[in-house]
Amino acid sequence: MTITQLITHSGGFHADELLSSVILTHLFPDATLIRSRDADVITPGPGKIIYDVGRAYDAEAGIFDHHQRPVPLREDEQPYSSFGLIWKHFGHDYLRAVNVPEADVDRVHLSFDKGFVLPVDLLDNGAIEPSVAGPLAGMTLPTLLESLKPTFDDRGAGADDQAFMAALPVARAFVEAAIRNRAAKYRAETLVTEAIAQAGEGRILELPMGMPFRAAVEKTGADHLLFVINPRENGDRVDWALTTIRKGGDTFEARADLPGAWAGLNGADLAAVTGVEGAVFCHNALFIAVANSRDGIVNMAQQAVAAAEAAGI
């Protein structure tokens, strides 16, 4: 069936139908996006996808609302918003449409659902309070997207619809970036896993470029690794970076810091301490250092390993 109408409610908007519209307008670019509460318009029919309005959830009929009772629930009994319902039924097709490799579609779908869609669903249903974000409560994505609504005294003709359409590309940018980064994470995982195998029992992991590496390090159980080195472009030259490996995703604590004597040093001062000609800098927090050659960064990495092992790490 050809989809000709994408229908959501008129008036003020929330993140869930805005983000749903991102998915649907990409999949059905020739369909007309309609914002209405007119009973005839929001009644299911051929060529229609209706979402966040209509007080029914019937995928076969093409209606995806969550305001009715009982509210649609996930298998774990957490509530769906319209975004969750649209993602459940159209997310896989969306990922294929944005060229996520087929081998990664299922896990990108699940990751995006848990880390991006579910928080929107919970907040929209009042299942979590905005205050759970603490001082950042005003900076969450749903709050920022909804800040694009017209102000209370902007009641010009079509103000809500105009604001909705202006907010749509903003929402699209966040969805596309989140998908792009998740897909890249899984591409990186493959490369890092191969590099871990090449490193063997060594304590230094060499990568062909900067990329997310901690997930693969943890997944493979490579607890012996302490530091990562990789080339990185710096204008018209290539430097090499030496970085630490964090103990987990919820901490900045590293398995081992770089040597304390390097902290905050640059250029000749760092070269004098390390004995490495071409040493560029070391961050004050001892989580990254840079040299202008692979040989130099390998030397520094070996020194860092020796210092860590001397400290009993």
C-alpha atoms as a PDB file:
ATOM      1  CA  MET A   1       0.000   0.000   0.000  1.00  0.00           C
ATOM      2  CA  THR A   2       1.254   3.468  -0.877  1.00  0.00           C
ATOM      3  CA  ILE A   3       1.367   5.853   2.077  1.00  0.00           C
ATOM      4  CA  THR A   4       0.025   9.241   1.094  1.00  0.00           C
ATOM      5  CA  GLN A   5      -0.723  10.853   4.477  1.00  0.00           C
ATOM      6  CA  LEU A   6       1.240  11.048   7.724  1.00  0.00           C
ATOM      7  CA  ILE A   7      -1.180  12.356  10.334  1.00  0.00           C
ATOM      8  CA  THR A   8      -0.486  13.593  13.849  1.00  0.00           C
ATOM      9  CA  HIS A   9      -2.318  16.021  16.093  1.00  0.00           C
ATOM     10  CA  SER A  10      -2.477  19.775  15.685  1.00  0.00           C
ATOM     11  CA  GLY A  11      -1.652  22.371  18.333  1.00  0.00           C
ATOM     12  CA  GLY A  12       1.377  22.280  20.577  1.00  0.00           C
ATOM     13  CA  PHE A  13       3.847  19.467  20.020  1.00  0.00           C
ATOM     14  CA  HIS A  14       5.993  17.158  22.087  1.00  0.00           C
ATOM     15  CA  ALA A  15       9.146  15.260  21.330  1.00  0.00           C
ATOM     16  CA  ASP A  16       7.429  11.934  20.669  1.00  0.00           C
ATOM     17  CA  GLU A  17       5.376  12.893  17.609  1.00  0.00           C
ATOM     18  CA  LEU A  18       8.153  15.169  16.356  1.00  0.00           C
ATOM     19  CA  LEU A  19      10.692  12.335  16.478  1.00  0.00           C
ATOM     20  CA  SER A  20       8.128   9.925  15.004  1.00  0.00           C
ATOM     21  CA  SER A  21       7.785  12.350  12.106  1.00  0.00           C
ATOM     22  CA  VAL A  22      11.535  12.157  11.513  1.00  0.00           C
ATOM     23  CA  ILE A  23      11.278   8.409  10.952  1.00  0.00           C
ATOM     24  CA  LEU A  24       8.124   8.484   8.869  1.00  0.00           C
ATOM     25  CA  THR A  25       8.981  11.418   6.594  1.00  0.00           C
ATOM     26  CA  HIS A  26      12.251   9.716   5.706  1.00  0.00           C
ATOM     27  CA  LEU A  27      10.525   6.464   4.831  1.00  0.00           C
ATOM     28  CA  PHE A  28       7.608   8.122   3.029  1.00  0.00           C
ATOM     29  CA  PRO A  29       9.022  11.345   1.554  1.00  0.00           C
ATOM     30  CA  ASP A  30       6.151  11.756  -0.907  1.00  0.00           C
ATOM     31  CA  ALA A  31       3.458  11.566   1.767  1.00  0.00           C
ATOM     32  CA  THR A  32       1.781  14.733   3.037  1.00  0.00           C
ATOM     33  CA  LEU A  33       2.390  15.521   6.712  1.00  0.00           C
ATOM     34  CA  ILE A  34      -0.908  16.639   8.259  1.00  0.00           C
ATOM     35  CA  ARG A  35      -1.477  18.017  11.765  1.00  0.00           C
ATOM     36  CA  SER A  36      -5.150  17.747  12.713  1.00  0.00           C
ATOM     37  CA  ARG A  37      -7.660  16.637  15.329  1.00  0.00           C
ATOM     38  CA  ASP A  38     -10.553  16.494  12.879  1.00  0.00           C
ATOM     39  CA  ALA A  39     -12.368  13.196  13.388  1.00  0.00           C
ATOM     40  CA  ASP A  40     -12.562  12.410   9.678  1.00  0.00           C
ATOM     41  CA  VAL A  41      -8.860  13.101   9.182  1.00  0.00           C
ATOM     42  CA  ILE A  42      -7.656  10.993  12.126  1.00  0.00           C
ATOM     43  CA  THR A  43      -9.882   8.032  11.267  1.00  0.00           C
ATOM     44  CA  PRO A  44      -7.802   5.150   9.825  1.00  0.00           C
ATOM     45  CA  GLY A  45      -8.052   4.595   6.114  1.00  0.00           C
ATOM     46  CA  PRO A  46      -6.081   3.573   3.013  1.00  0.00           C
ATOM     47  CA  GLY A  47      -2.762   5.355   2.628  1.00  0.00           C
ATOM     48  CA  LYS A  48      -2.782   6.795   6.162  1.00  0.00           C
ATOM     49  CA  ILE A  49      -0.363   6.463   9.074  1.00  0.00           C
ATOM     50  CA  ILE A  50      -1.844   8.125  12.169  1.00  0.00           C
ATOM     51  CA  TYR A  51       0.294   8.665  15.271  1.00  0.00           C
ATOM     52  CA  ASP A  52       0.014  10.310  18.694  1.00  0.00           C
ATOM     53  CA  VAL A  53      -3.660  10.925  18.093  1.00  0.00           C
ATOM     54  CA  GLY A  54      -6.798   8.799  17.656  1.00  0.00           C
ATOM     55  CA  ARG A  55      -6.752   6.917  20.973  1.00  0.00           C
ATOM     56  CA  ALA A  56      -6.015   3.550  19.433  1.00  0.00           C
ATOM     57  CA  TYR A  57      -3.048   1.340  18.656  1.00  0.00           C
ATOM     58  CA  ASP A  58      -3.620  -0.940  15.711  1.00  0.00           C
ATOM     59  CA  ALA A  59      -0.602  -1.434  13.498  1.00  0.00           C
ATOM     60  CA  GLU A  60      -2.595  -3.176  10.760  1.00  0.00           C
ATOM     61  CA  ALA A  61      -4.981  -0.224  10.603  1.00  0.00           C
ATOM     62  CA  GLY A  62      -2.063   2.205  10.626  1.00  0.00           C
ATOM     63  CA  ILE A  63      -2.823   3.974  13.899  1.00  0.00           C
ATOM     64  CA  PHE A  64      -0.215   4.408  16.638  1.00  0.00           C
ATOM     65  CA  ASP A  65      -1.494   6.335  19.655  1.00  0.00           C
ATOM     66  CA  HIS A  66      -0.741   5.819  23.339  1.00  0.00           C
ATOM     67  CA  HIS A  67      -3.186   8.141  25.100  1.00  0.00           C
ATOM     68  CA  GLN A  68      -5.892   5.505  25.503  1.00  0.00           C
ATOM     69  CA  ARG A  69      -6.306   3.125  28.400  1.00  0.00           C
ATOM     70  CA  PRO A  70      -4.676   0.765  28.795  1.00  0.00           C
ATOM     71  CA  VAL A  71      -1.520   2.413  27.469  1.00  0.00           C
ATOM     72  CA  PRO A  72       0.507   0.157  25.128  1.00  0.00           C
ATOM     73  CA  LEU A  73       3.336  -1.514  27.038  1.00  0.00           C
ATOM     74  CA  ARG A  74       6.652  -3.122  26.155  1.00  0.00           C
ATOM     75  CA  GLU A  75       7.319  -6.688  27.201  1.00  0.00           C
ATOM     76  CA  ASP A  76       8.908  -5.332  30.387  1.00  0.00           C
ATOM     77  CA  GLU A  77       5.720  -3.304  31.012  1.00  0.00           C
ATOM     78  CA  GLN A  78       7.332   0.062  30.408  1.00  0.00           C
ATOM     79  CA  PRO A  79       5.003   2.372  28.459  1.00  0.00           C
ATOM     80  CA  TYR A  80       5.270   3.319  24.824  1.00  0.00           C
ATOM     81  CA  SER A  81       4.768   6.796  23.479  1.00  0.00           C
ATOM     82  CA  SER A  82       4.006   7.268  19.805  1.00  0.00           C
ATOM     83  CA  PHE A  83       7.753   7.397  19.171  1.00  0.00           C
ATOM     84  CA  GLY A  84       8.277   3.964  20.682  1.00  0.00           C
ATOM     85  CA  LEU A  85       5.411   2.507  18.660  1.00  0.00           C
ATOM     86  CA  ILE A  86       6.659   4.018  15.410  1.00  0.00           C
ATOM     87  CA  TRP A  87      10.186   2.834  16.146  1.00  0.00           C
ATOM     88  CA  LYS A  88       8.930  -0.669  16.955  1.00  0.00           C
ATOM     89  CA  HIS A  89       7.144  -1.017  13.622  1.00  0.00           C
ATOM     90  CA  PHE A  90       9.243   1.152  11.291  1.00  0.00           C
ATOM     91  CA  GLY A  91      12.665   1.334  12.918  1.00  0.00           C
ATOM     92  CA  HIS A  92      14.206  -1.595  11.071  1.00  0.00           C
ATOM     93  CA  ASP A  93      13.094  -0.190   7.725  1.00  0.00           C
ATOM     94  CA  TYR A  94      14.452   3.225   8.696  1.00  0.00           C
ATOM     95  CA  LEU A  95      17.865   1.775   9.553  1.00  0.00           C
ATOM     96  CA  ARG A  96      18.042   0.003   6.218  1.00  0.00           C
ATOM     97  CA  ALA A  97      16.982   3.208   4.473  1.00  0.00           C
ATOM     98  CA  VAL A  98      19.892   5.096   6.055  1.00  0.00           C
ATOM     99  CA  ASN A  99      22.293   2.325   4.978  1.00  0.00           C
ATOM    100  CA  VAL A 100      23.064   0.659   8.282  1.00  0.00           C
ATOM    101  CA  PRO A 101      24.680  -2.694   7.344  1.00  0.00           C
ATOM    102  CA  GLU A 102      22.171  -5.515   7.545  1.00  0.00           C
ATOM    103  CA  ALA A 103      24.399  -7.402   9.992  1.00  0.00           C
ATOM    104  CA  ASP A 104      24.108  -4.494  12.441  1.00  0.00           C
ATOM    105  CA  VAL A 105      20.444  -3.552  11.973  1.00  0.00           C
ATOM    106  CA  ASP A 106      19.047  -5.556  14.891  1.00  0.00           C
ATOM    107  CA  ARG A 107      21.562  -4.398  17.461  1.00  0.00           C
ATOM    108  CA  VAL A 108      21.478  -0.765  16.330  1.00  0.00           C
ATOM    109  CA  HIS A 109      17.677  -0.949  16.546  1.00  0.00           C
ATOM    110  CA  LEU A 110      17.848  -2.313  20.085  1.00  0.00           C
ATOM    111  CA  SER A 111      20.540   0.121  21.195  1.00  0.00           C
ATOM    112  CA  PHE A 112      18.654   3.127  19.835  1.00  0.00           C
ATOM    113  CA  ASP A 113      15.423   1.899  21.413  1.00  0.00           C
ATOM    114  CA  LYS A 114      16.968   1.524  24.860  1.00  0.00           C
ATOM    115  CA  GLY A 115      19.191   4.581  24.849  1.00  0.00           C
ATOM    116  CA  PHE A 116      17.183   7.119  22.833  1.00  0.00           C
ATOM    117  CA  VAL A 117      13.564   6.063  22.315  1.00  0.00           C
ATOM    118  CA  LEU A 118      12.763   4.656  25.747  1.00  0.00           C
ATOM    119  CA  PRO A 119      13.714   7.810  27.688  1.00  0.00           C
ATOM    120  CA  VAL A 120      11.417   9.836  25.410  1.00  0.00           C
ATOM    121  CA  ASP A 121       8.621   7.312  25.961  1.00  0.00           C
ATOM    122  CA  LEU A 122       9.016   7.344  29.737  1.00  0.00           C
ATOM    123  CA  LEU A 123       9.123  11.100  30.009  1.00  0.00           C
ATOM    124  CA  ASP A 124       6.139  11.582  27.709  1.00  0.00           C
ATOM    125  CA  ASN A 125       4.069   9.157  29.784  1.00  0.00           C
ATOM    126  CA  GLY A 126       5.098  10.684  33.097  1.00  0.00           C
ATOM    127  CA  ALA A 127       6.809   7.428  34.051  1.00  0.00           C
ATOM    128  CA  ILE A 128       9.934   9.379  35.031  1.00  0.00           C
ATOM    129  CA  GLU A 129      10.274  12.923  36.288  1.00  0.00           C
ATOM    130  CA  PRO A 130      12.409  15.479  34.444  1.00  0.00           C
ATOM    131  CA  SER A 131      14.188  16.018  37.752  1.00  0.00           C
ATOM    132  CA  VAL A 132      16.001  12.673  37.389  1.00  0.00           C
ATOM    133  CA  ALA A 133      18.398  14.561  35.112  1.00  0.00           C
ATOM    134  CA  GLY A 134      19.356  16.790  38.040  1.00  0.00           C
ATOM    135  CA  PRO A 135      20.986  20.078  37.048  1.00  0.00           C
ATOM    136  CA  LEU A 136      20.783  18.993  33.407  1.00  0.00           C
ATOM    137  CA  ALA A 137      16.999  18.587  33.457  1.00  0.00           C
ATOM    138  CA  GLY A 138      16.581  21.624  31.228  1.00  0.00           C
ATOM    139  CA  MET A 139      19.072  20.243  28.730  1.00  0.00           C
ATOM    140  CA  THR A 140      17.457  16.905  27.884  1.00  0.00           C
ATOM    141  CA  LEU A 141      16.536  16.363  24.245  1.00  0.00           C
ATOM    142  CA  PRO A 142      12.743  16.341  24.812  1.00  0.00           C
ATOM    143  CA  THR A 143      12.976  19.613  26.738  1.00  0.00           C
ATOM    144  CA  LEU A 144      15.138  21.258  24.099  1.00  0.00           C
ATOM    145  CA  LEU A 145      12.882  20.131  21.256  1.00  0.00           C
ATOM    146  CA  GLU A 146       9.778  21.330  23.046  1.00  0.00           C
ATOM    147  CA  SER A 147      11.448  24.689  23.682  1.00  0.00           C
ATOM    148  CA  LEU A 148      11.036  25.258  19.937  1.00  0.00           C
ATOM    149  CA  LYS A 149       7.275  25.608  20.370  1.00  0.00           C
ATOM    150  CA  PRO A 150       5.799  29.103  20.008  1.00  0.00           C
ATOM    151  CA  THR A 151       5.699  31.220  23.136  1.00  0.00           C
ATOM    152  CA  PHE A 152       2.372  31.546  24.950  1.00  0.00           C
ATOM    153  CA  ASP A 153       1.592  34.906  23.365  1.00  0.00           C
ATOM    154  CA  ASP A 154       2.615  33.968  19.831  1.00  0.00           C
ATOM    155  CA  ARG A 155      -0.828  33.038  18.571  1.00  0.00           C
ATOM    156  CA  GLY A 156      -0.439  34.019  14.944  1.00  0.00           C
ATOM    157  CA  ALA A 157      -2.196  31.936  12.315  1.00  0.00           C
ATOM    158  CA  GLY A 158      -0.348  28.662  11.830  1.00  0.00           C
ATOM    159  CA  ALA A 159       2.198  29.391  14.573  1.00  0.00           C
ATOM    160  CA  ASP A 160       2.167  25.827  15.944  1.00  0.00           C
ATOM    161  CA  ASP A 161       2.430  24.216  12.522  1.00  0.00           C
ATOM    162  CA  GLN A 162       5.232  26.539  11.470  1.00  0.00           C
ATOM    163  CA  ALA A 163       7.145  25.833  14.678  1.00  0.00           C
ATOM    164  CA  PHE A 164       6.639  22.094  14.233  1.00  0.00           C
ATOM    165  CA  MET A 165       8.028  22.148  10.696  1.00  0.00           C
ATOM    166  CA  ALA A 166      10.964  24.325  11.800  1.00  0.00           C
ATOM    167  CA  ALA A 167      11.718  21.886  14.649  1.00  0.00           C
ATOM    168  CA  LEU A 168      11.584  18.828  12.387  1.00  0.00           C
ATOM    169  CA  PRO A 169      15.069  19.231  10.823  1.00  0.00           C
ATOM    170  CA  VAL A 170      16.514  19.881  14.281  1.00  0.00           C
ATOM    171  CA  ALA A 171      15.022  16.624  15.553  1.00  0.00           C
ATOM    172  CA  ARG A 172      16.178  14.877  12.386  1.00  0.00           C
ATOM    173  CA  ALA A 173      19.771  15.937  12.987  1.00  0.00           C
ATOM    174  CA  PHE A 174      19.760  14.363  16.453  1.00  0.00           C
ATOM    175  CA  VAL A 175      18.193  11.104  15.268  1.00  0.00           C
ATOM    176  CA  GLU A 176      20.581  10.774  12.343  1.00  0.00           C
ATOM    177  CA  ALA A 177      23.609  11.535  14.529  1.00  0.00           C
ATOM    178  CA  ALA A 178      22.533   9.011  17.151  1.00  0.00           C
ATOM    179  CA  ILE A 179      22.060   6.301  14.514  1.00  0.00           C
ATOM    180  CA  ARG A 180      25.273   7.201  12.727  1.00  0.00           C
ATOM    181  CA  ASN A 181      27.281   7.028  15.955  1.00  0.00           C
ATOM    182  CA  ARG A 182      25.763   3.716  16.999  1.00  0.00           C
ATOM    183  CA  ALA A 183      26.478   2.166  13.615  1.00  0.00           C
ATOM    184  CA  ALA A 184      30.037   3.485  13.780  1.00  0.00           C
ATOM    185  CA  LYS A 185      30.429   1.996  17.239  1.00  0.00           C
ATOM    186  CA  TYR A 186      29.730  -1.470  15.894  1.00  0.00           C
ATOM    187  CA  ARG A 187      32.083  -0.959  12.935  1.00  0.00           C
ATOM    188  CA  ALA A 188      34.742   0.102  15.415  1.00  0.00           C
ATOM    189  CA  GLU A 189      34.074  -2.926  17.591  1.00  0.00           C
ATOM    190  CA  THR A 190      35.071  -5.213  14.741  1.00  0.00           C
ATOM    191  CA  LEU A 191      38.310  -3.297  14.091  1.00  0.00           C
ATOM    192  CA  VAL A 192      39.222  -3.098  17.774  1.00  0.00           C
ATOM    193  CA  THR A 193      38.569  -6.797  18.308  1.00  0.00           C
ATOM    194  CA  GLU A 194      40.996  -7.583  15.493  1.00  0.00           C
ATOM    195  CA  ALA A 195      43.591  -5.236  17.002  1.00  0.00           C
ATOM    196  CA  ILE A 196      43.215  -6.869  20.424  1.00  0.00           C
ATOM    197  CA  ALA A 197      43.960 -10.234  18.871  1.00  0.00           C
ATOM    198  CA  GLN A 198      47.092  -8.782  17.265  1.00  0.00           C
ATOM    199  CA  ALA A 199      48.217  -7.264  20.577  1.00  0.00           C
ATOM    200  CA  GLY A 200      48.216 -10.655  22.237  1.00  0.00           C
ATOM    201  CA  GLU A 201      49.333 -10.380  25.862  1.00  0.00           C
ATOM    202  CA  GLY A 202      50.874  -6.957  25.327  1.00  0.00           C
ATOM    203  CA  ARG A 203      49.582  -4.081  27.401  1.00  0.00           C
ATOM    204  CA  ILE A 204      49.438  -1.571  24.552  1.00  0.00           C
ATOM    205  CA  LEU A 205      46.639  -1.637  21.977  1.00  0.00           C
ATOM    206  CA  GLU A 206      47.493  -0.068  18.614  1.00  0.00           C
ATOM    207  CA  LEU A 207      44.615   1.099  16.455  1.00  0.00           C
ATOM    208  CA  PRO A 208      44.698   2.339  12.850  1.00  0.00           C
ATOM    209  CA  MET A 209      42.866   5.560  13.786  1.00  0.00           C
ATOM    210  CA  GLY A 210      40.978   7.126  16.651  1.00  0.00           C
ATOM    211  CA  MET A 211      37.762   5.196  17.338  1.00  0.00           C
ATOM    212  CA  PRO A 212      35.582   3.986  20.230  1.00  0.00           C
ATOM    213  CA  PHE A 213      37.451   1.098  21.822  1.00  0.00           C
ATOM    214  CA  ARG A 214      36.304   0.500  25.405  1.00  0.00           C
ATOM    215  CA  ALA A 215      33.245  -1.608  24.506  1.00  0.00           C
ATOM    216  CA  ALA A 216      35.349  -4.085  22.531  1.00  0.00           C
ATOM    217  CA  VAL A 217      38.028  -4.154  25.229  1.00  0.00           C
ATOM    218  CA  GLU A 218      35.411  -5.054  27.816  1.00  0.00           C
ATOM    219  CA  LYS A 219      33.554  -7.486  25.571  1.00  0.00           C
ATOM    220  CA  THR A 220      36.711  -9.460  24.793  1.00  0.00           C
ATOM    221  CA  GLY A 221      37.806  -9.475  28.430  1.00  0.00           C
ATOM    222  CA  ALA A 222      41.117  -7.809  27.565  1.00  0.00           C
ATOM    223  CA  ASP A 223      41.797  -6.790  31.156  1.00  0.00           C
ATOM    224  CA  HIS A 224      45.551  -6.793  30.591  1.00  0.00           C
ATOM    225  CA  LEU A 225      45.449  -3.769  28.302  1.00  0.00           C
ATOM    226  CA  LEU A 226      46.398  -0.437  29.877  1.00  0.00           C
ATOM    227  CA  PHE A 227      46.924   2.036  27.049  1.00  0.00           C
ATOM    228  CA  VAL A 228      45.893   2.726  23.466  1.00  0.00           C
ATOM    229  CA  ILE A 229      47.930   4.352  20.715  1.00  0.00           C
ATOM    230  CA  ASN A 230      46.723   5.566  17.337  1.00  0.00           C
ATOM    231  CA  PRO A 231      47.566   8.098  14.629  1.00  0.00           C
ATOM    232  CA  ARG A 232      45.482  11.243  14.393  1.00  0.00           C
ATOM    233  CA  GLU A 233      45.377  13.945  11.785  1.00  0.00           C
ATOM    234  CA  ASN A 234      46.542  17.372  12.889  1.00  0.00           C
ATOM    235  CA  GLY A 235      46.172  19.782  10.000  1.00  0.00           C
ATOM    236  CA  ASP A 236      48.722  18.851   7.360  1.00  0.00           C
ATOM    237  CA  ARG A 237      50.598  16.376   9.547  1.00  0.00           C
ATOM    238  CA  VAL A 238      49.855  13.187  11.454  1.00  0.00           C
ATOM    239  CA  ASP A 239      50.540  12.981  15.173  1.00  0.00           C
ATOM    240  CA  TRP A 240      50.209   9.947  17.403  1.00  0.00           C
ATOM    241  CA  ALA A 241      48.115   9.805  20.564  1.00  0.00           C
ATOM    242  CA  LEU A 242      48.563   7.733  23.718  1.00  0.00           C
ATOM    243  CA  THR A 243      45.396   7.396  25.793  1.00  0.00           C
ATOM    244  CA  THR A 244      44.356   5.605  28.945  1.00  0.00           C
ATOM    245  CA  ILE A 245      41.509   3.094  29.226  1.00  0.00           C
ATOM    246  CA  ARG A 246      38.685   3.992  31.607  1.00  0.00           C
ATOM    247  CA  LYS A 247      37.601   1.353  34.112  1.00  0.00           C
ATOM    248  CA  GLY A 248      33.974   1.685  33.056  1.00  0.00           C
ATOM    249  CA  GLY A 249      31.372   3.793  31.343  1.00  0.00           C
ATOM    250  CA  ASP A 250      30.285   5.522  34.545  1.00  0.00           C
ATOM    251  CA  THR A 251      33.701   6.709  35.709  1.00  0.00           C
ATOM    252  CA  PHE A 252      36.662   8.730  34.509  1.00  0.00           C
ATOM    253  CA  GLU A 253      39.049   6.582  36.559  1.00  0.00           C
ATOM    254  CA  ALA A 254      41.579   4.862  34.325  1.00  0.00           C
ATOM    255  CA  ARG A 255      43.072   1.407  34.616  1.00  0.00           C
ATOM    256  CA  ALA A 256      46.396   3.261  34.828  1.00  0.00           C
ATOM    257  CA  ASP A 257      47.258   6.947  34.510  1.00  0.00           C
ATOM    258  CA  LEU A 258      50.132   8.259  32.472  1.00  0.00           C
ATOM    259  CA  PRO A 259      53.278   9.016  34.546  1.00  0.00           C
ATOM    260  CA  GLY A 260      52.668  11.870  36.964  1.00  0.00           C
ATOM    261  CA  ALA A 261      55.873  13.652  35.977  1.00  0.00           C
ATOM    262  CA  TRP A 262      54.394  14.296  32.518  1.00  0.00           C
ATOM    263  CA  ALA A 263      51.354  16.224  33.732  1.00  0.00           C
ATOM    264  CA  GLY A 264      50.756  19.459  31.838  1.00  0.00           C
ATOM    265  CA  LEU A 265      54.100  19.422  30.027  1.00  0.00           C
ATOM    266  CA  ASN A 266      54.522  20.523  26.413  1.00  0.00           C
ATOM    267  CA  GLY A 267      57.201  20.381  23.747  1.00  0.00           C
ATOM    268  CA  ALA A 268      60.765  20.585  24.998  1.00  0.00           C
ATOM    269  CA  ASP A 269      59.721  20.195  28.641  1.00  0.00           C
ATOM    270  CA  LEU A 270      57.929  16.919  27.920  1.00  0.00           C
ATOM    271  CA  ALA A 271      60.760  15.763  25.661  1.00  0.00           C
ATOM    272  CA  ALA A 272      63.244  16.385  28.460  1.00  0.00           C
ATOM    273  CA  VAL A 273      61.254  14.292  30.953  1.00  0.00           C
ATOM    274  CA  THR A 274      60.458  11.433  28.575  1.00  0.00           C
ATOM    275  CA  GLY A 275      63.660  11.453  26.522  1.00  0.00           C
ATOM    276  CA  VAL A 276      61.432  11.370  23.420  1.00  0.00           C
ATOM    277  CA  GLU A 277      62.299  13.875  20.738  1.00  0.00           C
ATOM    278  CA  GLY A 278      59.033  14.998  19.198  1.00  0.00           C
ATOM    279  CA  ALA A 279      56.942  14.669  22.353  1.00  0.00           C
ATOM    280  CA  VAL A 280      54.167  17.226  21.945  1.00  0.00           C
ATOM    281  CA  PHE A 281      52.105  17.430  25.143  1.00  0.00           C
ATOM    282  CA  CYS A 282      50.538  15.563  28.032  1.00  0.00           C
ATOM    283  CA  HIS A 283      47.208  16.573  29.530  1.00  0.00           C
ATOM    284  CA  ASN A 284      47.196  17.731  33.136  1.00  0.00           C
ATOM    285  CA  ALA A 285      44.702  14.976  33.961  1.00  0.00           C
ATOM    286  CA  LEU A 286      47.128  12.318  32.648  1.00  0.00           C
ATOM    287  CA  PHE A 287      44.695  10.615  30.270  1.00  0.00           C
ATOM    288  CA  ILE A 288      46.266  11.584  26.932  1.00  0.00           C
ATOM    289  CA  ALA A 289      49.697  12.404  25.564  1.00  0.00           C
ATOM    290  CA  VAL A 290      50.818  13.129  22.006  1.00  0.00           C
ATOM    291  CA  ALA A 291      54.029  12.726  20.021  1.00  0.00           C
ATOM    292  CA  ASN A 292      54.771  13.533  16.399  1.00  0.00           C
ATOM    293  CA  SER A 293      55.796   9.994  15.383  1.00  0.00           C
ATOM    294  CA  ARG A 294      54.816   6.394  15.965  1.00  0.00           C
ATOM    295  CA  ASP A 295      58.261   5.563  17.348  1.00  0.00           C
ATOM    296  CA  GLY A 296      57.949   8.400  19.821  1.00  0.00           C
ATOM    297  CA  ILE A 297      54.513   7.411  21.065  1.00  0.00           C
ATOM    298  CA  VAL A 298      55.509   3.730  21.345  1.00  0.00           C
ATOM    299  CA  ASN A 299      58.449   4.815  23.507  1.00  0.00           C
ATOM    300  CA  MET A 300      56.161   6.880  25.711  1.00  0.00           C
ATOM    301  CA  ALA A 301      53.628   4.055  25.931  1.00  0.00           C
ATOM    302  CA  GLN A 302      56.331   1.634  27.024  1.00  0.00           C
ATOM    303  CA  GLN A 303      57.400   4.085  29.718  1.00  0.00           C
ATOM    304  CA  ALA A 304      53.814   4.398  30.879  1.00  0.00           C
ATOM    305  CA  VAL A 305      53.461   0.611  31.074  1.00  0.00           C
ATOM    306  CA  ALA A 306      56.691   0.313  33.044  1.00  0.00           C
ATOM    307  CA  ALA A 307      55.525   2.964  35.523  1.00  0.00           C
ATOM    308  CA  ALA A 308      52.145   1.258  35.929  1.00  0.00           C
ATOM    309  CA  GLU A 309      53.705  -2.155  36.468  1.00  0.00           C
ATOM    310  CA  ALA A 310      56.164  -0.683  38.987  1.00  0.00           C
ATOM    311  CA  ALA A 311      53.134   0.598  40.860  1.00  0.00           C
ATOM    312  CA  GLY A 312      51.720  -2.922  40.930  1.00  0.00           C
ATOM    313  CA  ILE A 313      49.119  -2.497  38.207  1.00  0.00           C
END
